[in-house]
Amino acid sequence: MASKGKETATRKESATQSNPRGIPYAPFVDKVEDYVATRDDVEPTLRSFQEMIAKYQFMEQNLQRRVAGLKDKLPDIQKTLDTVRFLALRKDETEPIETTFELNETLHAKAEIPPTDEVYLWLGANVMLSYPIDEAEAMLSSKLNAAKASLANCEEDLDFLREQITTMEVAVARVYNWDVVQKRKEKEEEDKQKEKRKGKDAEDPSGG
């Protein structure tokens, strides 16, 4: 009895554990009997496991969208940072830089950029601010590092979620197979009882 209580406590403890971003671990079903006492418990247990799978899949979809957004954003941040660093190297020069800039996807124009110690950066929501080049470089470096760290965390969480989904799918299969075995046992027991009753009826045709 004490052993059973210890197993239950261990399962509860593992169920409350989570990864660094707070995503909970899926329960590992080693013994189906720890989760299903009778066949009446099978349907609610399977439903609970399916709900957990759905939650993990929902988180997986959200993370996949976030990863796609970060992968789109990272090259833009890197490109802007490289440009700011290039301007920083030339801020003490006297000659302007000749370059082209994009007006739209198919139209570009030539421009001359004089040496400068100031840049304008888009912050989003149609907001642009002026920054000294050194501050702009520091901010963009920080932003780039944060985006890379966020991408790494998201990809790690995606791997973690796939593992939890697989764990839950195995749990569903084990509970389902356990139910099939129990049905077979019940059928065999029922058939034995029928054979016994037939044998008794054959020994006593009068039914007395």
C-alpha atoms as a PDB file:
ATOM      1  CA  MET A   1       0.000   0.000   0.000  1.00  0.00           C
ATOM      2  CA  ALA A   2       2.867   2.342   0.844  1.00  0.00           C
ATOM      3  CA  SER A   3       4.524   1.480  -2.482  1.00  0.00           C
ATOM      4  CA  LYS A   4       1.338   2.403  -4.379  1.00  0.00           C
ATOM      5  CA  GLY A   5       1.176   5.767  -2.584  1.00  0.00           C
ATOM      6  CA  LYS A   6       4.805   6.429  -3.403  1.00  0.00           C
ATOM      7  CA  GLU A   7       4.186   5.713  -7.117  1.00  0.00           C
ATOM      8  CA  THR A   8       1.204   8.094  -7.132  1.00  0.00           C
ATOM      9  CA  ALA A   9       3.261  10.838  -5.482  1.00  0.00           C
ATOM     10  CA  THR A  10       6.027  10.338  -8.053  1.00  0.00           C
ATOM     11  CA  ARG A  11       3.553  10.642 -10.926  1.00  0.00           C
ATOM     12  CA  LYS A  12       2.070  13.825  -9.469  1.00  0.00           C
ATOM     13  CA  GLU A  13       5.545  15.297  -9.005  1.00  0.00           C
ATOM     14  CA  SER A  14       6.543  14.536 -12.626  1.00  0.00           C
ATOM     15  CA  ALA A  15       3.255  15.988 -13.871  1.00  0.00           C
ATOM     16  CA  THR A  16       4.046  19.341 -12.219  1.00  0.00           C
ATOM     17  CA  GLN A  17       7.568  19.553 -13.695  1.00  0.00           C
ATOM     18  CA  SER A  18       8.116  21.808 -16.679  1.00  0.00           C
ATOM     19  CA  ASN A  19      10.807  22.965 -19.070  1.00  0.00           C
ATOM     20  CA  PRO A  20      12.559  26.363 -18.600  1.00  0.00           C
ATOM     21  CA  ARG A  21       9.693  28.189 -20.355  1.00  0.00           C
ATOM     22  CA  GLY A  22       7.037  26.583 -18.152  1.00  0.00           C
ATOM     23  CA  ILE A  23       5.722  23.963 -20.584  1.00  0.00           C
ATOM     24  CA  PRO A  24       4.706  20.940 -18.476  1.00  0.00           C
ATOM     25  CA  TYR A  25       6.093  17.472 -19.036  1.00  0.00           C
ATOM     26  CA  ALA A  26       3.671  14.836 -20.268  1.00  0.00           C
ATOM     27  CA  PRO A  27       3.014  11.986 -17.814  1.00  0.00           C
ATOM     28  CA  PHE A  28       4.882   8.822 -18.774  1.00  0.00           C
ATOM     29  CA  VAL A  29       2.503   5.870 -18.581  1.00  0.00           C
ATOM     30  CA  ASP A  30       4.640   2.937 -17.501  1.00  0.00           C
ATOM     31  CA  LYS A  31       1.832   0.945 -15.883  1.00  0.00           C
ATOM     32  CA  VAL A  32      -1.645   1.547 -17.268  1.00  0.00           C
ATOM     33  CA  GLU A  33      -3.099   0.278 -13.991  1.00  0.00           C
ATOM     34  CA  ASP A  34      -1.699   3.400 -12.290  1.00  0.00           C
ATOM     35  CA  TYR A  35      -4.132   5.479 -14.380  1.00  0.00           C
ATOM     36  CA  VAL A  36      -6.963   3.047 -15.153  1.00  0.00           C
ATOM     37  CA  ALA A  37      -8.469   0.911 -12.398  1.00  0.00           C
ATOM     38  CA  THR A  38     -11.385  -0.516 -14.407  1.00  0.00           C
ATOM     39  CA  ARG A  39     -12.638  -0.390 -17.964  1.00  0.00           C
ATOM     40  CA  ASP A  40     -15.019   2.392 -16.878  1.00  0.00           C
ATOM     41  CA  ASP A  41     -11.937   4.603 -16.460  1.00  0.00           C
ATOM     42  CA  VAL A  42     -10.710   4.020 -20.021  1.00  0.00           C
ATOM     43  CA  GLU A  43     -12.900   6.530 -21.869  1.00  0.00           C
ATOM     44  CA  PRO A  44     -12.335   9.516 -19.497  1.00  0.00           C
ATOM     45  CA  THR A  45      -8.599   8.728 -19.343  1.00  0.00           C
ATOM     46  CA  LEU A  46      -8.310   8.614 -23.142  1.00  0.00           C
ATOM     47  CA  ARG A  47     -10.308  11.850 -23.386  1.00  0.00           C
ATOM     48  CA  SER A  48      -7.983  13.528 -20.870  1.00  0.00           C
ATOM     49  CA  PHE A  49      -4.903  12.365 -22.784  1.00  0.00           C
ATOM     50  CA  GLN A  50      -6.359  13.568 -26.103  1.00  0.00           C
ATOM     51  CA  GLU A  51      -7.036  16.985 -24.562  1.00  0.00           C
ATOM     52  CA  MET A  52      -3.401  17.178 -23.445  1.00  0.00           C
ATOM     53  CA  ILE A  53      -2.243  16.289 -26.959  1.00  0.00           C
ATOM     54  CA  ALA A  54      -4.492  19.039 -28.380  1.00  0.00           C
ATOM     55  CA  LYS A  55      -2.997  21.591 -25.962  1.00  0.00           C
ATOM     56  CA  TYR A  56       0.546  20.603 -26.898  1.00  0.00           C
ATOM     57  CA  GLN A  57      -0.335  20.816 -30.601  1.00  0.00           C
ATOM     58  CA  PHE A  58      -1.851  24.282 -30.093  1.00  0.00           C
ATOM     59  CA  MET A  59       1.354  25.467 -28.406  1.00  0.00           C
ATOM     60  CA  GLU A  60       3.374  23.856 -31.203  1.00  0.00           C
ATOM     61  CA  GLN A  61       1.425  25.772 -33.880  1.00  0.00           C
ATOM     62  CA  ASN A  62       1.896  29.083 -32.038  1.00  0.00           C
ATOM     63  CA  LEU A  63       5.627  28.458 -31.683  1.00  0.00           C
ATOM     64  CA  GLN A  64       5.954  27.531 -35.356  1.00  0.00           C
ATOM     65  CA  ARG A  65       4.402  30.881 -36.297  1.00  0.00           C
ATOM     66  CA  ARG A  66       6.730  32.681 -33.895  1.00  0.00           C
ATOM     67  CA  VAL A  67       9.779  30.881 -35.310  1.00  0.00           C
ATOM     68  CA  ALA A  68       8.738  31.845 -38.845  1.00  0.00           C
ATOM     69  CA  GLY A  69       8.361  35.494 -37.754  1.00  0.00           C
ATOM     70  CA  LEU A  70      11.772  35.536 -36.062  1.00  0.00           C
ATOM     71  CA  LYS A  71      13.448  33.940 -39.076  1.00  0.00           C
ATOM     72  CA  ASP A  72      11.954  36.683 -41.263  1.00  0.00           C
ATOM     73  CA  LYS A  73      12.999  39.417 -38.834  1.00  0.00           C
ATOM     74  CA  LEU A  74      16.593  38.331 -38.125  1.00  0.00           C
ATOM     75  CA  PRO A  75      18.031  39.080 -41.597  1.00  0.00           C
ATOM     76  CA  ASP A  76      16.488  42.566 -41.509  1.00  0.00           C
ATOM     77  CA  ILE A  77      18.018  43.324 -38.103  1.00  0.00           C
ATOM     78  CA  GLN A  78      21.389  41.973 -39.224  1.00  0.00           C
ATOM     79  CA  LYS A  79      21.265  44.002 -42.445  1.00  0.00           C
ATOM     80  CA  THR A  80      20.424  47.192 -40.542  1.00  0.00           C
ATOM     81  CA  LEU A  81      23.188  46.548 -38.014  1.00  0.00           C
ATOM     82  CA  ASP A  82      25.728  45.955 -40.790  1.00  0.00           C
ATOM     83  CA  THR A  83      24.696  49.235 -42.411  1.00  0.00           C
ATOM     84  CA  VAL A  84      25.048  51.158 -39.141  1.00  0.00           C
ATOM     85  CA  ARG A  85      28.481  49.626 -38.555  1.00  0.00           C
ATOM     86  CA  PHE A  86      29.520  50.615 -42.062  1.00  0.00           C
ATOM     87  CA  LEU A  87      28.380  54.197 -41.448  1.00  0.00           C
ATOM     88  CA  ALA A  88      30.228  54.221 -38.140  1.00  0.00           C
ATOM     89  CA  LEU A  89      33.456  53.303 -39.917  1.00  0.00           C
ATOM     90  CA  ARG A  90      32.987  56.205 -42.345  1.00  0.00           C
ATOM     91  CA  LYS A  91      31.754  58.928 -40.004  1.00  0.00           C
ATOM     92  CA  ASP A  92      35.179  60.638 -39.995  1.00  0.00           C
ATOM     93  CA  GLU A  93      35.445  60.554 -43.813  1.00  0.00           C
ATOM     94  CA  THR A  94      34.859  63.650 -45.954  1.00  0.00           C
ATOM     95  CA  GLU A  95      33.531  62.129 -49.176  1.00  0.00           C
ATOM     96  CA  PRO A  96      29.857  61.081 -49.440  1.00  0.00           C
ATOM     97  CA  ILE A  97      28.866  57.485 -50.180  1.00  0.00           C
ATOM     98  CA  GLU A  98      27.018  56.786 -53.409  1.00  0.00           C
ATOM     99  CA  THR A  99      24.355  54.148 -53.023  1.00  0.00           C
ATOM    100  CA  THR A 100      20.900  53.082 -54.190  1.00  0.00           C
ATOM    101  CA  PHE A 101      17.774  52.781 -52.093  1.00  0.00           C
ATOM    102  CA  GLU A 102      14.493  51.009 -52.699  1.00  0.00           C
ATOM    103  CA  LEU A 103      11.388  53.044 -53.527  1.00  0.00           C
ATOM    104  CA  ASN A 104       9.340  49.912 -54.092  1.00  0.00           C
ATOM    105  CA  GLU A 105       9.957  46.309 -55.098  1.00  0.00           C
ATOM    106  CA  THR A 106      10.812  47.187 -58.703  1.00  0.00           C
ATOM    107  CA  LEU A 107      12.094  50.755 -58.413  1.00  0.00           C
ATOM    108  CA  HIS A 108      15.386  51.996 -56.941  1.00  0.00           C
ATOM    109  CA  ALA A 109      16.986  55.439 -56.874  1.00  0.00           C
ATOM    110  CA  LYS A 110      20.558  56.654 -56.473  1.00  0.00           C
ATOM    111  CA  ALA A 111      21.571  58.732 -53.472  1.00  0.00           C
ATOM    112  CA  GLU A 112      24.650  60.267 -51.891  1.00  0.00           C
ATOM    113  CA  ILE A 113      25.057  59.848 -48.137  1.00  0.00           C
ATOM    114  CA  PRO A 114      27.396  62.291 -46.437  1.00  0.00           C
ATOM    115  CA  PRO A 115      29.454  61.180 -43.423  1.00  0.00           C
ATOM    116  CA  THR A 116      27.199  61.209 -40.371  1.00  0.00           C
ATOM    117  CA  ASP A 117      27.198  60.413 -36.682  1.00  0.00           C
ATOM    118  CA  GLU A 118      23.423  60.009 -36.566  1.00  0.00           C
ATOM    119  CA  VAL A 119      20.954  57.501 -38.055  1.00  0.00           C
ATOM    120  CA  TYR A 120      17.175  57.132 -38.120  1.00  0.00           C
ATOM    121  CA  LEU A 121      15.678  53.773 -37.206  1.00  0.00           C
ATOM    122  CA  TRP A 122      12.163  52.462 -37.679  1.00  0.00           C
ATOM    123  CA  LEU A 123      10.760  51.236 -34.380  1.00  0.00           C
ATOM    124  CA  GLY A 124       7.493  49.951 -35.816  1.00  0.00           C
ATOM    125  CA  ALA A 125       3.943  51.335 -35.803  1.00  0.00           C
ATOM    126  CA  ASN A 126       5.094  54.084 -38.208  1.00  0.00           C
ATOM    127  CA  VAL A 127       7.523  55.449 -35.620  1.00  0.00           C
ATOM    128  CA  MET A 128      11.062  56.515 -36.549  1.00  0.00           C
ATOM    129  CA  LEU A 129      13.631  57.934 -34.123  1.00  0.00           C
ATOM    130  CA  SER A 130      17.063  59.505 -34.475  1.00  0.00           C
ATOM    131  CA  TYR A 131      19.977  57.766 -32.720  1.00  0.00           C
ATOM    132  CA  PRO A 132      23.685  58.529 -32.430  1.00  0.00           C
ATOM    133  CA  ILE A 133      25.480  55.814 -34.400  1.00  0.00           C
ATOM    134  CA  ASP A 134      27.076  54.249 -31.314  1.00  0.00           C
ATOM    135  CA  GLU A 135      23.703  53.996 -29.551  1.00  0.00           C
ATOM    136  CA  ALA A 136      22.054  52.632 -32.687  1.00  0.00           C
ATOM    137  CA  GLU A 137      24.728  49.943 -32.993  1.00  0.00           C
ATOM    138  CA  ALA A 138      24.389  48.972 -29.337  1.00  0.00           C
ATOM    139  CA  MET A 139      20.586  48.816 -29.556  1.00  0.00           C
ATOM    140  CA  LEU A 140      20.583  46.779 -32.766  1.00  0.00           C
ATOM    141  CA  SER A 141      23.225  44.387 -31.379  1.00  0.00           C
ATOM    142  CA  SER A 142      21.092  43.865 -28.280  1.00  0.00           C
ATOM    143  CA  LYS A 143      17.982  43.386 -30.401  1.00  0.00           C
ATOM    144  CA  LEU A 144      19.755  40.886 -32.657  1.00  0.00           C
ATOM    145  CA  ASN A 145      21.082  38.869 -29.707  1.00  0.00           C
ATOM    146  CA  ALA A 146      17.646  38.857 -28.071  1.00  0.00           C
ATOM    147  CA  ALA A 147      16.013  37.656 -31.307  1.00  0.00           C
ATOM    148  CA  LYS A 148      18.613  34.895 -31.724  1.00  0.00           C
ATOM    149  CA  ALA A 149      18.109  33.772 -28.118  1.00  0.00           C
ATOM    150  CA  SER A 150      14.341  33.812 -28.571  1.00  0.00           C
ATOM    151  CA  LEU A 151      14.640  31.745 -31.762  1.00  0.00           C
ATOM    152  CA  ALA A 152      16.880  29.216 -30.012  1.00  0.00           C
ATOM    153  CA  ASN A 153      14.384  28.945 -27.127  1.00  0.00           C
ATOM    154  CA  CYS A 154      11.458  28.522 -29.533  1.00  0.00           C
ATOM    155  CA  GLU A 155      13.234  25.786 -31.471  1.00  0.00           C
ATOM    156  CA  GLU A 156      14.155  24.054 -28.210  1.00  0.00           C
ATOM    157  CA  ASP A 157      10.530  24.287 -27.067  1.00  0.00           C
ATOM    158  CA  LEU A 158       9.335  22.860 -30.388  1.00  0.00           C
ATOM    159  CA  ASP A 159      11.585  19.823 -29.923  1.00  0.00           C
ATOM    160  CA  PHE A 160      10.326  19.502 -26.354  1.00  0.00           C
ATOM    161  CA  LEU A 161       6.677  19.708 -27.457  1.00  0.00           C
ATOM    162  CA  ARG A 162       7.179  17.039 -30.127  1.00  0.00           C
ATOM    163  CA  GLU A 163       8.622  14.746 -27.451  1.00  0.00           C
ATOM    164  CA  GLN A 164       5.630  15.374 -25.165  1.00  0.00           C
ATOM    165  CA  ILE A 165       3.154  14.746 -27.995  1.00  0.00           C
ATOM    166  CA  THR A 166       4.910  11.451 -28.785  1.00  0.00           C
ATOM    167  CA  THR A 167       4.839  10.509 -25.086  1.00  0.00           C
ATOM    168  CA  MET A 168       1.093  11.189 -24.920  1.00  0.00           C
ATOM    169  CA  GLU A 169       0.421   9.278 -28.143  1.00  0.00           C
ATOM    170  CA  VAL A 170       2.243   6.283 -26.646  1.00  0.00           C
ATOM    171  CA  ALA A 171       0.143   6.683 -23.474  1.00  0.00           C
ATOM    172  CA  VAL A 172      -3.070   6.680 -25.540  1.00  0.00           C
ATOM    173  CA  ALA A 173      -1.953   3.545 -27.386  1.00  0.00           C
ATOM    174  CA  ARG A 174      -1.095   1.760 -24.119  1.00  0.00           C
ATOM    175  CA  VAL A 175      -4.455   2.554 -22.526  1.00  0.00           C
ATOM    176  CA  TYR A 176      -6.282   1.522 -25.710  1.00  0.00           C
ATOM    177  CA  ASN A 177      -4.339  -1.767 -25.904  1.00  0.00           C
ATOM    178  CA  TRP A 178      -4.995  -2.412 -22.219  1.00  0.00           C
ATOM    179  CA  ASP A 179      -8.714  -1.982 -22.888  1.00  0.00           C
ATOM    180  CA  VAL A 180      -8.552  -4.436 -25.801  1.00  0.00           C
ATOM    181  CA  VAL A 181      -6.826  -7.026 -23.587  1.00  0.00           C
ATOM    182  CA  GLN A 182      -9.438  -6.544 -20.841  1.00  0.00           C
ATOM    183  CA  LYS A 183     -12.271  -6.986 -23.345  1.00  0.00           C
ATOM    184  CA  ARG A 184     -10.673 -10.211 -24.561  1.00  0.00           C
ATOM    185  CA  LYS A 185     -10.297 -11.490 -20.991  1.00  0.00           C
ATOM    186  CA  GLU A 186     -13.918 -10.634 -20.194  1.00  0.00           C
ATOM    187  CA  LYS A 187     -15.051 -12.396 -23.368  1.00  0.00           C
ATOM    188  CA  GLU A 188     -12.999 -15.484 -22.503  1.00  0.00           C
ATOM    189  CA  GLU A 189     -14.414 -15.496 -18.967  1.00  0.00           C
ATOM    190  CA  GLU A 190     -17.934 -15.114 -20.322  1.00  0.00           C
ATOM    191  CA  ASP A 191     -17.387 -18.000 -22.726  1.00  0.00           C
ATOM    192  CA  LYS A 192     -16.083 -20.198 -19.874  1.00  0.00           C
ATOM    193  CA  GLN A 193     -19.180 -19.424 -17.799  1.00  0.00           C
ATOM    194  CA  LYS A 194     -21.388 -20.335 -20.743  1.00  0.00           C
ATOM    195  CA  GLU A 195     -19.543 -23.647 -21.195  1.00  0.00           C
ATOM    196  CA  LYS A 196     -19.958 -24.408 -17.484  1.00  0.00           C
ATOM    197  CA  ARG A 197     -23.683 -23.719 -17.662  1.00  0.00           C
ATOM    198  CA  LYS A 198     -23.976 -25.938 -20.754  1.00  0.00           C
ATOM    199  CA  GLY A 199     -22.119 -28.714 -18.939  1.00  0.00           C
ATOM    200  CA  LYS A 200     -24.459 -28.523 -15.950  1.00  0.00           C
ATOM    201  CA  ASP A 201     -27.504 -28.527 -18.198  1.00  0.00           C
ATOM    202  CA  ALA A 202     -26.184 -31.617 -20.024  1.00  0.00           C
ATOM    203  CA  GLU A 203     -25.638 -33.449 -16.692  1.00  0.00           C
ATOM    204  CA  ASP A 204     -29.127 -32.572 -15.449  1.00  0.00           C
ATOM    205  CA  PRO A 205     -31.499 -32.404 -18.460  1.00  0.00           C
ATOM    206  CA  SER A 206     -34.500 -32.067 -16.157  1.00  0.00           C
ATOM    207  CA  GLY A 207     -33.051 -28.857 -14.700  1.00  0.00           C
ATOM    208  CA  GLY A 208     -33.603 -30.194 -11.223  1.00  0.00           C
END
